[in-house]
Amino acid sequence: MLSTPGLIGAAVGVAASGLIYFVVTSMLKSQTVDSTTSAEERERSAAAVRMVLLADIPIMAAFGYYVGQLL
């Protein structure tokens, strides 16, 4: 059975990682163009950052669930 404090912790973890995801992606969109890197290279690095941040969402949910059960 799922615990209520665990679910609250999971929701907090999802909200925190979702907020971080949207903040970082908006920063990547407003990034100034550097003449030393190509557009393809910038897009590839931005895609890698987005993938890491998307993978962070379920990890933070699981961590939040665990911490919620401890408290």
Protein backbone atom coordinates (compact mmCIF):
# COMPACT_ATOMS: atom_id res chain seq x y z
CA MET A 1 0.00 0.00 0.00
CA LEU A 2 1.24 3.48 -0.83
CA SER A 3 1.78 5.85 2.06
CA THR A 4 0.32 9.34 2.04
CA PRO A 5 3.53 11.05 3.28
CA GLY A 6 5.45 9.17 0.60
CA LEU A 7 3.08 10.36 -2.10
CA ILE A 8 3.38 13.92 -0.85
CA GLY A 9 7.16 13.61 -0.96
CA ALA A 10 6.97 12.20 -4.49
CA ALA A 11 4.78 15.11 -5.57
CA VAL A 12 7.28 17.58 -4.10
CA GLY A 13 10.11 15.78 -5.92
CA VAL A 14 8.26 15.90 -9.24
CA ALA A 15 7.38 19.56 -8.76
CA ALA A 16 10.96 20.51 -7.88
CA SER A 17 12.51 18.64 -10.79
CA GLY A 18 9.83 19.92 -13.19
CA LEU A 19 10.52 23.48 -12.10
CA ILE A 20 14.25 22.98 -12.59
CA TYR A 21 13.59 21.49 -16.03
CA PHE A 22 11.54 24.45 -17.21
CA VAL A 23 13.97 27.01 -15.78
CA VAL A 24 16.98 25.39 -17.43
CA THR A 25 15.24 24.91 -20.79
CA SER A 26 14.16 28.55 -20.81
CA MET A 27 17.75 29.56 -20.02
CA LEU A 28 18.97 27.38 -22.90
CA LYS A 29 16.55 29.11 -25.28
CA SER A 30 17.70 32.57 -24.23
CA GLN A 31 21.38 31.61 -24.39
CA THR A 32 23.58 34.03 -26.26
CA VAL A 33 25.10 32.77 -29.49
CA ASP A 34 28.80 32.00 -29.22
CA SER A 35 30.72 32.25 -32.47
CA THR A 36 33.07 29.38 -31.56
CA THR A 37 30.34 26.70 -31.51
CA SER A 38 28.13 25.69 -34.40
CA ALA A 39 24.35 25.67 -34.22
CA GLU A 40 24.33 21.88 -34.51
CA GLU A 41 26.74 21.54 -31.61
CA ARG A 42 24.66 23.88 -29.43
CA GLU A 43 21.49 21.95 -30.25
CA ARG A 44 23.19 18.63 -29.47
CA SER A 45 24.40 19.87 -26.09
CA ALA A 46 20.99 21.36 -25.28
CA ALA A 47 19.33 18.05 -26.15
CA ALA A 48 21.74 16.23 -23.84
CA VAL A 49 20.92 18.60 -20.99
CA ARG A 50 17.18 18.13 -21.57
CA MET A 51 17.55 14.34 -21.52
CA VAL A 52 19.41 14.44 -18.21
CA LEU A 53 16.80 16.74 -16.70
CA LEU A 54 13.94 14.55 -17.94
CA ALA A 55 15.61 11.49 -16.41
CA ASP A 56 15.86 13.45 -13.16
CA ILE A 57 12.06 13.66 -12.78
CA PRO A 58 11.37 10.00 -11.88
CA ILE A 59 14.56 9.86 -9.79
CA MET A 60 13.42 12.84 -7.72
CA ALA A 61 9.94 11.34 -7.40
CA ALA A 62 11.40 8.12 -6.01
CA PHE A 63 13.71 10.04 -3.68
CA GLY A 64 10.83 12.23 -2.50
CA TYR A 65 8.69 9.15 -1.85
CA TYR A 66 11.50 7.61 0.21
CA VAL A 67 12.10 10.79 2.22
CA GLY A 68 8.35 11.22 2.73
CA GLN A 69 8.11 7.73 4.21
CA LEU A 70 11.00 8.48 6.57
CA LEU A 71 9.32 11.57 7.97
